[in-house]
Amino acid sequence: MTPLLRKFLGINWLLFAVMVGLLIFGVTAIYSASGLRSPELADKWRDQIIFATCGFIPFFLAALTDYKWVKWLGIPFYVVGLILLLITRAIGEDVYGTTGWIRFGGIGIQTSQVAIASGIILM
């Protein structure tokens, strides 16, 4: 058995099953709440399925990654998070009344969330 297959079989499948169950519950809730109310919201459940499917790739990458590889990235990620917060303080854009976003072309990044994730990785 290859090491990758052994690692894949060692994934916490209960966690995966709970995640899929919550996904099904969420899609069902969106489908039942949006279809009759307004026509422009009728396809939001499909968007949720697409986003969830795209989320499976990072889930499996994270599940297959040994935490020791991520451990040494903690300090550089934290420094990048702090730098992004300082940049946001200088040139941040107001979105919904808060100056917490940086725009790169058409993509907006909420730097506080990057800083939170980097702090978690640092711990």
PDB file of N, CA and C in Angstrom:
ATOM      1  N   MET A   1       0.843  -1.167   0.000  1.00  0.00           N
ATOM      2  CA  MET A   1       0.000   0.000   0.000  1.00  0.00           C
ATOM      3  C   MET A   1       0.896   1.240   0.000  1.00  0.00           C
ATOM      4  N   THR A   2       0.615   2.169  -0.894  1.00  0.00           N
ATOM      5  CA  THR A   2       1.428   3.375  -0.999  1.00  0.00           C
ATOM      6  C   THR A   2       1.167   4.288   0.197  1.00  0.00           C
ATOM      7  N   PRO A   3       2.144   5.129   0.546  1.00  0.00           N
ATOM      8  CA  PRO A   3       1.942   6.041   1.678  1.00  0.00           C
ATOM      9  C   PRO A   3       0.770   7.007   1.462  1.00  0.00           C
ATOM     10  N   LEU A   4       0.563   7.449   0.215  1.00  0.00           N
ATOM     11  CA  LEU A   4      -0.546   8.366  -0.045  1.00  0.00           C
ATOM     12  C   LEU A   4      -1.886   7.677   0.177  1.00  0.00           C
ATOM     13  N   LEU A   5      -2.005   6.442  -0.281  1.00  0.00           N
ATOM     14  CA  LEU A   5      -3.245   5.687  -0.077  1.00  0.00           C
ATOM     15  C   LEU A   5      -3.465   5.407   1.407  1.00  0.00           C
ATOM     16  N   ARG A   6      -2.395   5.080   2.122  1.00  0.00           N
ATOM     17  CA  ARG A   6      -2.501   4.839   3.558  1.00  0.00           C
ATOM     18  C   ARG A   6      -2.968   6.104   4.271  1.00  0.00           C
ATOM     19  N   LYS A   7      -2.436   7.245   3.855  1.00  0.00           N
ATOM     20  CA  LYS A   7      -2.840   8.511   4.456  1.00  0.00           C
ATOM     21  C   LYS A   7      -4.287   8.848   4.111  1.00  0.00           C
ATOM     22  N   PHE A   8      -4.683   8.568   2.866  1.00  0.00           N
ATOM     23  CA  PHE A   8      -6.056   8.829   2.435  1.00  0.00           C
ATOM     24  C   PHE A   8      -7.046   7.980   3.230  1.00  0.00           C
ATOM     25  N   LEU A   9      -6.701   6.734   3.467  1.00  0.00           N
ATOM     26  CA  LEU A   9      -7.583   5.865   4.241  1.00  0.00           C
ATOM     27  C   LEU A   9      -7.595   6.235   5.722  1.00  0.00           C
ATOM     28  N   GLY A  10      -6.576   6.973   6.169  1.00  0.00           N
ATOM     29  CA  GLY A  10      -6.500   7.389   7.561  1.00  0.00           C
ATOM     30  C   GLY A  10      -7.216   8.693   7.861  1.00  0.00           C
ATOM     31  N   ILE A  11      -7.889   9.259   6.870  1.00  0.00           N
ATOM     32  CA  ILE A  11      -8.638  10.500   7.079  1.00  0.00           C
ATOM     33  C   ILE A  11      -9.761  10.238   8.078  1.00  0.00           C
ATOM     34  N   ASN A  12     -10.091  11.233   8.845  1.00  0.00           N
ATOM     35  CA  ASN A  12     -11.195  11.128   9.795  1.00  0.00           C
ATOM     36  C   ASN A  12     -12.508  11.120   9.009  1.00  0.00           C
ATOM     37  N   TRP A  13     -13.004   9.938   8.707  1.00  0.00           N
ATOM     38  CA  TRP A  13     -14.195   9.806   7.859  1.00  0.00           C
ATOM     39  C   TRP A  13     -15.458  10.221   8.592  1.00  0.00           C
ATOM     40  N   LEU A  14     -15.455  10.168   9.918  1.00  0.00           N
ATOM     41  CA  LEU A  14     -16.606  10.667  10.667  1.00  0.00           C
ATOM     42  C   LEU A  14     -16.736  12.177  10.474  1.00  0.00           C
ATOM     43  N   LEU A  15     -15.615  12.878  10.533  1.00  0.00           N
ATOM     44  CA  LEU A  15     -15.626  14.313  10.280  1.00  0.00           C
ATOM     45  C   LEU A  15     -16.124  14.609   8.872  1.00  0.00           C
ATOM     46  N   PHE A  16     -15.687  13.830   7.904  1.00  0.00           N
ATOM     47  CA  PHE A  16     -16.132  14.013   6.526  1.00  0.00           C
ATOM     48  C   PHE A  16     -17.634  13.762   6.398  1.00  0.00           C
ATOM     49  N   ALA A  17     -18.139  12.712   7.059  1.00  0.00           N
ATOM     50  CA  ALA A  17     -19.572  12.406   6.995  1.00  0.00           C
ATOM     51  C   ALA A  17     -20.404  13.513   7.635  1.00  0.00           C
ATOM     52  N   VAL A  18     -19.938  14.055   8.752  1.00  0.00           N
ATOM     53  CA  VAL A  18     -20.653  15.161   9.393  1.00  0.00           C
ATOM     54  C   VAL A  18     -20.649  16.384   8.483  1.00  0.00           C
ATOM     55  N   MET A  19     -19.512  16.651   7.835  1.00  0.00           N
ATOM     56  CA  MET A  19     -19.430  17.782   6.915  1.00  0.00           C
ATOM     57  C   MET A  19     -20.409  17.615   5.757  1.00  0.00           C
ATOM     58  N   VAL A  20     -20.480  16.426   5.183  1.00  0.00           N
ATOM     59  CA  VAL A  20     -21.404  16.178   4.072  1.00  0.00           C
ATOM     60  C   VAL A  20     -22.849  16.286   4.554  1.00  0.00           C
ATOM     61  N   GLY A  21     -23.134  15.791   5.748  1.00  0.00           N
ATOM     62  CA  GLY A  21     -24.484  15.912   6.300  1.00  0.00           C
ATOM     63  C   GLY A  21     -24.897  17.358   6.492  1.00  0.00           C
ATOM     64  N   LEU A  22     -24.000  18.171   7.031  1.00  0.00           N
ATOM     65  CA  LEU A  22     -24.291  19.599   7.188  1.00  0.00           C
ATOM     66  C   LEU A  22     -24.440  20.284   5.841  1.00  0.00           C
ATOM     67  N   LEU A  23     -23.662  19.858   4.868  1.00  0.00           N
ATOM     68  CA  LEU A  23     -23.779  20.406   3.517  1.00  0.00           C
ATOM     69  C   LEU A  23     -25.153  20.101   2.932  1.00  0.00           C
ATOM     70  N   ILE A  24     -25.595  18.861   3.067  1.00  0.00           N
ATOM     71  CA  ILE A  24     -26.915  18.480   2.547  1.00  0.00           C
ATOM     72  C   ILE A  24     -28.015  19.261   3.269  1.00  0.00           C
ATOM     73  N   PHE A  25     -27.893  19.400   4.583  1.00  0.00           N
ATOM     74  CA  PHE A  25     -28.869  20.176   5.343  1.00  0.00           C
ATOM     75  C   PHE A  25     -28.897  21.629   4.875  1.00  0.00           C
ATOM     76  N   GLY A  26     -27.719  22.219   4.674  1.00  0.00           N
ATOM     77  CA  GLY A  26     -27.645  23.612   4.236  1.00  0.00           C
ATOM     78  C   GLY A  26     -28.219  23.823   2.850  1.00  0.00           C
ATOM     79  N   VAL A  27     -27.904  22.927   1.928  1.00  0.00           N
ATOM     80  CA  VAL A  27     -28.434  23.047   0.565  1.00  0.00           C
ATOM     81  C   VAL A  27     -29.948  22.889   0.577  1.00  0.00           C
ATOM     82  N   THR A  28     -30.453  21.959   1.378  1.00  0.00           N
ATOM     83  CA  THR A  28     -31.901  21.772   1.485  1.00  0.00           C
ATOM     84  C   THR A  28     -32.566  23.020   2.062  1.00  0.00           C
ATOM     85  N   ALA A  29     -31.955  23.623   3.070  1.00  0.00           N
ATOM     86  CA  ALA A  29     -32.511  24.837   3.663  1.00  0.00           C
ATOM     87  C   ALA A  29     -32.518  25.985   2.657  1.00  0.00           C
ATOM     88  N   ILE A  30     -31.439  26.135   1.906  1.00  0.00           N
ATOM     89  CA  ILE A  30     -31.383  27.198   0.898  1.00  0.00           C
ATOM     90  C   ILE A  30     -32.408  26.948  -0.191  1.00  0.00           C
ATOM     91  N   TYR A  31     -32.539  25.701  -0.619  1.00  0.00           N
ATOM     92  CA  TYR A  31     -33.499  25.358  -1.671  1.00  0.00           C
ATOM     93  C   TYR A  31     -34.927  25.648  -1.221  1.00  0.00           C
ATOM     94  N   SER A  32     -35.261  25.260   0.005  1.00  0.00           N
ATOM     95  CA  SER A  32     -36.635  25.448   0.466  1.00  0.00           C
ATOM     96  C   SER A  32     -36.943  26.906   0.785  1.00  0.00           C
ATOM     97  N   ALA A  33     -35.935  27.696   1.113  1.00  0.00           N
ATOM     98  CA  ALA A  33     -36.180  29.086   1.482  1.00  0.00           C
ATOM     99  C   ALA A  33     -36.150  30.043   0.308  1.00  0.00           C
ATOM    100  N   SER A  34     -35.521  29.669  -0.788  1.00  0.00           N
ATOM    101  CA  SER A  34     -35.294  30.658  -1.844  1.00  0.00           C
ATOM    102  C   SER A  34     -36.145  30.466  -3.086  1.00  0.00           C
ATOM    103  N   GLY A  35     -36.631  29.300  -3.347  1.00  0.00           N
ATOM    104  CA  GLY A  35     -37.301  29.039  -4.616  1.00  0.00           C
ATOM    105  C   GLY A  35     -38.591  29.792  -4.827  1.00  0.00           C
ATOM    106  N   LEU A  36     -39.426  29.881  -3.816  1.00  0.00           N
ATOM    107  CA  LEU A  36     -40.737  30.493  -3.978  1.00  0.00           C
ATOM    108  C   LEU A  36     -40.736  31.990  -3.720  1.00  0.00           C
ATOM    109  N   ARG A  37     -39.773  32.473  -3.007  1.00  0.00           N
ATOM    110  CA  ARG A  37     -39.776  33.875  -2.595  1.00  0.00           C
ATOM    111  C   ARG A  37     -39.419  34.829  -3.734  1.00  0.00           C
ATOM    112  N   SER A  38     -38.340  34.524  -4.400  1.00  0.00           N
ATOM    113  CA  SER A  38     -37.917  35.435  -5.452  1.00  0.00           C
ATOM    114  C   SER A  38     -37.208  34.651  -6.545  1.00  0.00           C
ATOM    115  N   PRO A  39     -37.521  34.962  -7.797  1.00  0.00           N
ATOM    116  CA  PRO A  39     -36.935  34.190  -8.900  1.00  0.00           C
ATOM    117  C   PRO A  39     -35.415  34.312  -9.004  1.00  0.00           C
ATOM    118  N   GLU A  40     -34.849  35.464  -8.628  1.00  0.00           N
ATOM    119  CA  GLU A  40     -33.396  35.617  -8.765  1.00  0.00           C
ATOM    120  C   GLU A  40     -32.632  34.806  -7.721  1.00  0.00           C
ATOM    121  N   LEU A  41     -33.314  34.358  -6.683  1.00  0.00           N
ATOM    122  CA  LEU A  41     -32.664  33.523  -5.673  1.00  0.00           C
ATOM    123  C   LEU A  41     -32.888  32.035  -5.910  1.00  0.00           C
ATOM    124  N   ALA A  42     -33.608  31.690  -6.960  1.00  0.00           N
ATOM    125  CA  ALA A  42     -33.999  30.299  -7.187  1.00  0.00           C
ATOM    126  C   ALA A  42     -32.810  29.372  -7.424  1.00  0.00           C
ATOM    127  N   ASP A  43     -31.716  29.877  -7.953  1.00  0.00           N
ATOM    128  CA  ASP A  43     -30.566  29.019  -8.270  1.00  0.00           C
ATOM    129  C   ASP A  43     -29.447  29.092  -7.234  1.00  0.00           C
ATOM    130  N   LYS A  44     -29.688  29.698  -6.103  1.00  0.00           N
ATOM    131  CA  LYS A  44     -28.638  29.829  -5.085  1.00  0.00           C
ATOM    132  C   LYS A  44     -28.221  28.482  -4.507  1.00  0.00           C
ATOM    133  N   TRP A  45     -29.121  27.523  -4.496  1.00  0.00           N
ATOM    134  CA  TRP A  45     -28.758  26.209  -3.975  1.00  0.00           C
ATOM    135  C   TRP A  45     -27.739  25.532  -4.882  1.00  0.00           C
ATOM    136  N   ARG A  46     -27.835  25.800  -6.188  1.00  0.00           N
ATOM    137  CA  ARG A  46     -26.835  25.246  -7.113  1.00  0.00           C
ATOM    138  C   ARG A  46     -25.465  25.879  -6.863  1.00  0.00           C
ATOM    139  N   ASP A  47     -25.471  27.191  -6.616  1.00  0.00           N
ATOM    140  CA  ASP A  47     -24.212  27.868  -6.298  1.00  0.00           C
ATOM    141  C   ASP A  47     -23.579  27.262  -5.047  1.00  0.00           C
ATOM    142  N   GLN A  48     -24.405  26.950  -4.053  1.00  0.00           N
ATOM    143  CA  GLN A  48     -23.893  26.354  -2.823  1.00  0.00           C
ATOM    144  C   GLN A  48     -23.247  25.000  -3.095  1.00  0.00           C
ATOM    145  N   ILE A  49     -23.856  24.206  -3.961  1.00  0.00           N
ATOM    146  CA  ILE A  49     -23.278  22.902  -4.306  1.00  0.00           C
ATOM    147  C   ILE A  49     -21.952  23.083  -5.036  1.00  0.00           C
ATOM    148  N   ILE A  50     -21.877  24.057  -5.933  1.00  0.00           N
ATOM    149  CA  ILE A  50     -20.631  24.317  -6.662  1.00  0.00           C
ATOM    150  C   ILE A  50     -19.529  24.742  -5.697  1.00  0.00           C
ATOM    151  N   PHE A  51     -19.844  25.671  -4.781  1.00  0.00           N
ATOM    152  CA  PHE A  51     -18.842  26.132  -3.825  1.00  0.00           C
ATOM    153  C   PHE A  51     -18.412  25.004  -2.889  1.00  0.00           C
ATOM    154  N   ALA A  52     -19.350  24.179  -2.479  1.00  0.00           N
ATOM    155  CA  ALA A  52     -19.006  23.060  -1.598  1.00  0.00           C
ATOM    156  C   ALA A  52     -18.126  22.051  -2.320  1.00  0.00           C
ATOM    157  N   THR A  53     -18.432  21.796  -3.580  1.00  0.00           N
ATOM    158  CA  THR A  53     -17.608  20.877  -4.362  1.00  0.00           C
ATOM    159  C   THR A  53     -16.192  21.421  -4.502  1.00  0.00           C
ATOM    160  N   CYS A  54     -16.079  22.718  -4.719  1.00  0.00           N
ATOM    161  CA  CYS A  54     -14.748  23.335  -4.782  1.00  0.00           C
ATOM    162  C   CYS A  54     -14.047  23.268  -3.424  1.00  0.00           C
ATOM    163  N   GLY A  55     -14.804  23.241  -2.343  1.00  0.00           N
ATOM    164  CA  GLY A  55     -14.224  23.157  -1.009  1.00  0.00           C
ATOM    165  C   GLY A  55     -13.701  21.783  -0.646  1.00  0.00           C
ATOM    166  N   PHE A  56     -14.148  20.746  -1.365  1.00  0.00           N
ATOM    167  CA  PHE A  56     -13.653  19.399  -1.072  1.00  0.00           C
ATOM    168  C   PHE A  56     -12.162  19.277  -1.378  1.00  0.00           C
ATOM    169  N   ILE A  57     -11.697  19.974  -2.388  1.00  0.00           N
ATOM    170  CA  ILE A  57     -10.281  19.894  -2.753  1.00  0.00           C
ATOM    171  C   ILE A  57      -9.394  20.419  -1.621  1.00  0.00           C
ATOM    172  N   PRO A  58      -9.648  21.643  -1.092  1.00  0.00           N
ATOM    173  CA  PRO A  58      -8.827  22.081   0.044  1.00  0.00           C
ATOM    174  C   PRO A  58      -8.995  21.204   1.284  1.00  0.00           C
ATOM    175  N   PHE A  59     -10.200  20.653   1.473  1.00  0.00           N
ATOM    176  CA  PHE A  59     -10.404  19.762   2.625  1.00  0.00           C
ATOM    177  C   PHE A  59      -9.472  18.565   2.550  1.00  0.00           C
ATOM    178  N   PHE A  60      -9.453  17.903   1.400  1.00  0.00           N
ATOM    179  CA  PHE A  60      -8.609  16.716   1.276  1.00  0.00           C
ATOM    180  C   PHE A  60      -7.127  17.082   1.280  1.00  0.00           C
ATOM    181  N   LEU A  61      -6.766  18.224   0.706  1.00  0.00           N
ATOM    182  CA  LEU A  61      -5.364  18.651   0.772  1.00  0.00           C
ATOM    183  C   LEU A  61      -4.940  18.902   2.216  1.00  0.00           C
ATOM    184  N   ALA A  62      -5.823  19.546   2.983  1.00  0.00           N
ATOM    185  CA  ALA A  62      -5.505  19.805   4.387  1.00  0.00           C
ATOM    186  C   ALA A  62      -5.477  18.513   5.193  1.00  0.00           C
ATOM    187  N   ALA A  63      -6.386  17.598   4.884  1.00  0.00           N
ATOM    188  CA  ALA A  63      -6.435  16.335   5.618  1.00  0.00           C
ATOM    189  C   ALA A  63      -5.222  15.459   5.315  1.00  0.00           C
ATOM    190  N   LEU A  64      -4.684  15.568   4.115  1.00  0.00           N
ATOM    191  CA  LEU A  64      -3.538  14.748   3.731  1.00  0.00           C
ATOM    192  C   LEU A  64      -2.200  15.382   4.090  1.00  0.00           C
ATOM    193  N   THR A  65      -2.218  16.649   4.489  1.00  0.00           N
ATOM    194  CA  THR A  65      -0.988  17.352   4.822  1.00  0.00           C
ATOM    195  C   THR A  65      -0.604  17.072   6.270  1.00  0.00           C
ATOM    196  N   ASP A  66       0.642  16.729   6.472  1.00  0.00           N
ATOM    197  CA  ASP A  66       1.144  16.503   7.820  1.00  0.00           C
ATOM    198  C   ASP A  66       1.306  17.855   8.506  1.00  0.00           C
ATOM    199  N   TYR A  67       0.820  17.958   9.730  1.00  0.00           N
ATOM    200  CA  TYR A  67       0.858  19.240  10.429  1.00  0.00           C
ATOM    201  C   TYR A  67       2.281  19.730  10.658  1.00  0.00           C
ATOM    202  N   LYS A  68       3.254  18.845  10.659  1.00  0.00           N
ATOM    203  CA  LYS A  68       4.639  19.265  10.860  1.00  0.00           C
ATOM    204  C   LYS A  68       5.141  20.116   9.697  1.00  0.00           C
ATOM    205  N   TRP A  69       4.577  19.893   8.504  1.00  0.00           N
ATOM    206  CA  TRP A  69       4.949  20.721   7.355  1.00  0.00           C
ATOM    207  C   TRP A  69       4.377  22.125   7.502  1.00  0.00           C
ATOM    208  N   VAL A  70       3.220  22.237   8.095  1.00  0.00           N
ATOM    209  CA  VAL A  70       2.562  23.533   8.253  1.00  0.00           C
ATOM    210  C   VAL A  70       3.172  24.307   9.417  1.00  0.00           C
ATOM    211  N   LYS A  71       3.698  23.587  10.384  1.00  0.00           N
ATOM    212  CA  LYS A  71       4.213  24.203  11.604  1.00  0.00           C
ATOM    213  C   LYS A  71       5.294  25.248  11.322  1.00  0.00           C
ATOM    214  N   TRP A  72       6.185  24.955  10.411  1.00  0.00           N
ATOM    215  CA  TRP A  72       7.278  25.892  10.147  1.00  0.00           C
ATOM    216  C   TRP A  72       6.819  27.111   9.352  1.00  0.00           C
ATOM    217  N   LEU A  73       5.608  27.088   8.806  1.00  0.00           N
ATOM    218  CA  LEU A  73       5.075  28.248   8.088  1.00  0.00           C
ATOM    219  C   LEU A  73       4.351  29.232   9.001  1.00  0.00           C
ATOM    220  N   GLY A  74       4.217  28.920  10.271  1.00  0.00           N
ATOM    221  CA  GLY A  74       3.451  29.747  11.192  1.00  0.00           C
ATOM    222  C   GLY A  74       3.948  31.179  11.296  1.00  0.00           C
ATOM    223  N   ILE A  75       5.229  31.358  11.540  1.00  0.00           N
ATOM    224  CA  ILE A  75       5.776  32.714  11.709  1.00  0.00           C
ATOM    225  C   ILE A  75       5.719  33.512  10.409  1.00  0.00           C
ATOM    226  N   PRO A  76       6.134  32.960   9.254  1.00  0.00           N
ATOM    227  CA  PRO A  76       6.004  33.749   8.020  1.00  0.00           C
ATOM    228  C   PRO A  76       4.553  34.129   7.696  1.00  0.00           C
ATOM    229  N   PHE A  77       3.605  33.209   7.897  1.00  0.00           N
ATOM    230  CA  PHE A  77       2.198  33.542   7.655  1.00  0.00           C
ATOM    231  C   PHE A  77       1.731  34.639   8.603  1.00  0.00           C
ATOM    232  N   TYR A  78       2.166  34.582   9.857  1.00  0.00           N
ATOM    233  CA  TYR A  78       1.772  35.591  10.831  1.00  0.00           C
ATOM    234  C   TYR A  78       2.323  36.960  10.448  1.00  0.00           C
ATOM    235  N   VAL A  79       3.571  37.001  10.004  1.00  0.00           N
ATOM    236  CA  VAL A  79       4.170  38.269   9.570  1.00  0.00           C
ATOM    237  C   VAL A  79       3.420  38.822   8.361  1.00  0.00           C
ATOM    238  N   VAL A  80       3.072  37.956   7.407  1.00  0.00           N
ATOM    239  CA  VAL A  80       2.298  38.394   6.237  1.00  0.00           C
ATOM    240  C   VAL A  80       0.944  38.934   6.678  1.00  0.00           C
ATOM    241  N   GLY A  81       0.298  38.270   7.636  1.00  0.00           N
ATOM    242  CA  GLY A  81      -0.987  38.750   8.147  1.00  0.00           C
ATOM    243  C   GLY A  81      -0.872  40.125   8.776  1.00  0.00           C
ATOM    244  N   LEU A  82       0.183  40.346   9.558  1.00  0.00           N
ATOM    245  CA  LEU A  82       0.387  41.660  10.172  1.00  0.00           C
ATOM    246  C   LEU A  82       0.664  42.735   9.126  1.00  0.00           C
ATOM    247  N   ILE A  83       1.461  42.397   8.122  1.00  0.00           N
ATOM    248  CA  ILE A  83       1.747  43.359   7.049  1.00  0.00           C
ATOM    249  C   ILE A  83       0.469  43.712   6.303  1.00  0.00           C
ATOM    250  N   LEU A  84      -0.367  42.716   6.030  1.00  0.00           N
ATOM    251  CA  LEU A  84      -1.643  42.991   5.358  1.00  0.00           C
ATOM    252  C   LEU A  84      -2.538  43.891   6.203  1.00  0.00           C
ATOM    253  N   LEU A  85      -2.528  43.698   7.520  1.00  0.00           N
ATOM    254  CA  LEU A  85      -3.317  44.573   8.385  1.00  0.00           C
ATOM    255  C   LEU A  85      -2.802  46.009   8.341  1.00  0.00           C
ATOM    256  N   LEU A  86      -1.479  46.178   8.297  1.00  0.00           N
ATOM    257  CA  LEU A  86      -0.914  47.528   8.200  1.00  0.00           C
ATOM    258  C   LEU A  86      -1.241  48.174   6.856  1.00  0.00           C
ATOM    259  N   ILE A  87      -1.186  47.384   5.796  1.00  0.00           N
ATOM    260  CA  ILE A  87      -1.550  47.909   4.472  1.00  0.00           C
ATOM    261  C   ILE A  87      -3.018  48.310   4.458  1.00  0.00           C
ATOM    262  N   THR A  88      -3.860  47.507   5.084  1.00  0.00           N
ATOM    263  CA  THR A  88      -5.284  47.828   5.146  1.00  0.00           C
ATOM    264  C   THR A  88      -5.507  49.125   5.909  1.00  0.00           C
ATOM    265  N   ARG A  89      -4.751  49.313   6.962  1.00  0.00           N
ATOM    266  CA  ARG A  89      -4.865  50.555   7.742  1.00  0.00           C
ATOM    267  C   ARG A  89      -4.519  51.767   6.879  1.00  0.00           C
ATOM    268  N   ALA A  90      -3.563  51.594   5.959  1.00  0.00           N
ATOM    269  CA  ALA A  90      -3.120  52.712   5.121  1.00  0.00           C
ATOM    270  C   ALA A  90      -4.022  52.926   3.910  1.00  0.00           C
ATOM    271  N   ILE A  91      -4.347  51.853   3.176  1.00  0.00           N
ATOM    272  CA  ILE A  91      -5.080  52.029   1.917  1.00  0.00           C
ATOM    273  C   ILE A  91      -6.359  51.200   1.859  1.00  0.00           C
ATOM    274  N   GLY A  92      -6.882  50.809   3.023  1.00  0.00           N
ATOM    275  CA  GLY A  92      -8.073  49.966   3.053  1.00  0.00           C
ATOM    276  C   GLY A  92      -9.282  50.644   2.434  1.00  0.00           C
ATOM    277  N   GLU A  93     -10.209  49.823   1.978  1.00  0.00           N
ATOM    278  CA  GLU A  93     -11.410  50.308   1.316  1.00  0.00           C
ATOM    279  C   GLU A  93     -12.618  50.046   2.213  1.00  0.00           C
ATOM    280  N   ASP A  94     -13.546  51.013   2.251  1.00  0.00           N
ATOM    281  CA  ASP A  94     -14.764  50.851   3.040  1.00  0.00           C
ATOM    282  C   ASP A  94     -15.727  49.908   2.348  1.00  0.00           C
ATOM    283  N   VAL A  95     -16.116  48.861   3.052  1.00  0.00           N
ATOM    284  CA  VAL A  95     -17.134  47.931   2.573  1.00  0.00           C
ATOM    285  C   VAL A  95     -18.106  47.722   3.725  1.00  0.00           C
ATOM    286  N   TYR A  96     -19.352  48.089   3.517  1.00  0.00           N
ATOM    287  CA  TYR A  96     -20.400  47.978   4.535  1.00  0.00           C
ATOM    288  C   TYR A  96     -20.006  48.676   5.832  1.00  0.00           C
ATOM    289  N   GLY A  97     -19.371  49.817   5.724  1.00  0.00           N
ATOM    290  CA  GLY A  97     -19.066  50.629   6.886  1.00  0.00           C
ATOM    291  C   GLY A  97     -17.786  50.286   7.626  1.00  0.00           C
ATOM    292  N   THR A  98     -17.029  49.316   7.160  1.00  0.00           N
ATOM    293  CA  THR A  98     -15.766  48.989   7.814  1.00  0.00           C
ATOM    294  C   THR A  98     -14.619  49.126   6.824  1.00  0.00           C
ATOM    295  N   THR A  99     -13.484  49.586   7.324  1.00  0.00           N
ATOM    296  CA  THR A  99     -12.297  49.693   6.484  1.00  0.00           C
ATOM    297  C   THR A  99     -11.442  48.465   6.733  1.00  0.00           C
ATOM    298  N   GLY A 100     -11.852  47.347   6.192  1.00  0.00           N
ATOM    299  CA  GLY A 100     -11.140  46.110   6.447  1.00  0.00           C
ATOM    300  C   GLY A 100     -10.830  45.328   5.194  1.00  0.00           C
ATOM    301  N   TRP A 101     -10.936  45.962   4.051  1.00  0.00           N
ATOM    302  CA  TRP A 101     -10.775  45.250   2.791  1.00  0.00           C
ATOM    303  C   TRP A 101      -9.683  45.888   1.946  1.00  0.00           C
ATOM    304  N   ILE A 102      -8.965  45.050   1.216  1.00  0.00           N
ATOM    305  CA  ILE A 102      -8.013  45.504   0.204  1.00  0.00           C
ATOM    306  C   ILE A 102      -8.497  44.939  -1.119  1.00  0.00           C
ATOM    307  N   ARG A 103      -8.499  45.774  -2.140  1.00  0.00           N
ATOM    308  CA  ARG A 103      -8.923  45.328  -3.468  1.00  0.00           C
ATOM    309  C   ARG A 103      -7.705  45.141  -4.354  1.00  0.00           C
ATOM    310  N   PHE A 104      -7.620  43.971  -4.979  1.00  0.00           N
ATOM    311  CA  PHE A 104      -6.617  43.677  -6.000  1.00  0.00           C
ATOM    312  C   PHE A 104      -7.370  43.417  -7.286  1.00  0.00           C
ATOM    313  N   GLY A 105      -7.490  44.419  -8.119  1.00  0.00           N
ATOM    314  CA  GLY A 105      -8.296  44.274  -9.328  1.00  0.00           C
ATOM    315  C   GLY A 105      -9.747  44.089  -8.941  1.00  0.00           C
ATOM    316  N   GLY A 106     -10.345  42.984  -9.329  1.00  0.00           N
ATOM    317  CA  GLY A 106     -11.732  42.719  -8.992  1.00  0.00           C
ATOM    318  C   GLY A 106     -11.903  41.843  -7.771  1.00  0.00           C
ATOM    319  N   ILE A 107     -10.799  41.510  -7.111  1.00  0.00           N
ATOM    320  CA  ILE A 107     -10.860  40.608  -5.967  1.00  0.00           C
ATOM    321  C   ILE A 107     -10.652  41.406  -4.690  1.00  0.00           C
ATOM    322  N   GLY A 108     -11.541  41.215  -3.731  1.00  0.00           N
ATOM    323  CA  GLY A 108     -11.414  41.867  -2.439  1.00  0.00           C
ATOM    324  C   GLY A 108     -10.961  40.872  -1.388  1.00  0.00           C
ATOM    325  N   ILE A 109     -10.034  41.288  -0.532  1.00  0.00           N
ATOM    326  CA  ILE A 109      -9.525  40.425   0.529  1.00  0.00           C
ATOM    327  C   ILE A 109      -9.798  41.106   1.859  1.00  0.00           C
ATOM    328  N   GLN A 110     -10.458  40.385   2.759  1.00  0.00           N
ATOM    329  CA  GLN A 110     -10.666  40.895   4.103  1.00  0.00           C
ATOM    330  C   GLN A 110      -9.466  40.452   4.938  1.00  0.00           C
ATOM    331  N   THR A 111      -8.574  41.382   5.175  1.00  0.00           N
ATOM    332  CA  THR A 111      -7.277  41.042   5.756  1.00  0.00           C
ATOM    333  C   THR A 111      -7.374  40.552   7.192  1.00  0.00           C
ATOM    334  N   SER A 112      -8.407  40.935   7.908  1.00  0.00           N
ATOM    335  CA  SER A 112      -8.534  40.445   9.282  1.00  0.00           C
ATOM    336  C   SER A 112      -8.723  38.932   9.305  1.00  0.00           C
ATOM    337  N   GLN A 113      -9.395  38.385   8.307  1.00  0.00           N
ATOM    338  CA  GLN A 113      -9.579  36.934   8.249  1.00  0.00           C
ATOM    339  C   GLN A 113      -8.265  36.223   7.940  1.00  0.00           C
ATOM    340  N   VAL A 114      -7.432  36.845   7.112  1.00  0.00           N
ATOM    341  CA  VAL A 114      -6.104  36.286   6.842  1.00  0.00           C
ATOM    342  C   VAL A 114      -5.277  36.292   8.125  1.00  0.00           C
ATOM    343  N   ALA A 115      -5.376  37.382   8.894  1.00  0.00           N
ATOM    344  CA  ALA A 115      -4.631  37.476  10.148  1.00  0.00           C
ATOM    345  C   ALA A 115      -5.124  36.446  11.161  1.00  0.00           C
ATOM    346  N   ILE A 116      -6.430  36.205  11.211  1.00  0.00           N
ATOM    347  CA  ILE A 116      -6.967  35.192  12.122  1.00  0.00           C
ATOM    348  C   ILE A 116      -6.437  33.810  11.745  1.00  0.00           C
ATOM    349  N   ALA A 117      -6.488  33.482  10.455  1.00  0.00           N
ATOM    350  CA  ALA A 117      -5.998  32.174  10.000  1.00  0.00           C
ATOM    351  C   ALA A 117      -4.505  32.022  10.285  1.00  0.00           C
ATOM    352  N   SER A 118      -3.731  33.087  10.067  1.00  0.00           N
ATOM    353  CA  SER A 118      -2.295  32.992  10.324  1.00  0.00           C
ATOM    354  C   SER A 118      -2.012  32.851  11.816  1.00  0.00           C
ATOM    355  N   GLY A 119      -2.826  33.488  12.653  1.00  0.00           N
ATOM    356  CA  GLY A 119      -2.668  33.315  14.096  1.00  0.00           C
ATOM    357  C   GLY A 119      -2.966  31.898  14.542  1.00  0.00           C
ATOM    358  N   ILE A 120      -3.976  31.286  13.933  1.00  0.00           N
ATOM    359  CA  ILE A 120      -4.307  29.896  14.255  1.00  0.00           C
ATOM    360  C   ILE A 120      -3.173  28.971  13.832  1.00  0.00           C
ATOM    361  N   ILE A 121      -2.611  29.205  12.649  1.00  0.00           N
ATOM    362  CA  ILE A 121      -1.495  28.377  12.177  1.00  0.00           C
ATOM    363  C   ILE A 121      -0.283  28.556  13.089  1.00  0.00           C
ATOM    364  N   LEU A 122      -0.062  29.773  13.568  1.00  0.00           N
ATOM    365  CA  LEU A 122       1.074  30.033  14.452  1.00  0.00           C
ATOM    366  C   LEU A 122       0.952  29.263  15.765  1.00  0.00           C
ATOM    367  N   MET A 123      -0.276  29.132  16.253  1.00  0.00           N
ATOM    368  CA  MET A 123      -0.472  28.417  17.527  1.00  0.00           C
ATOM    369  C   MET A 123      -0.179  26.955  17.348  1.00  0.00           C
TER     370      MET A 123
END
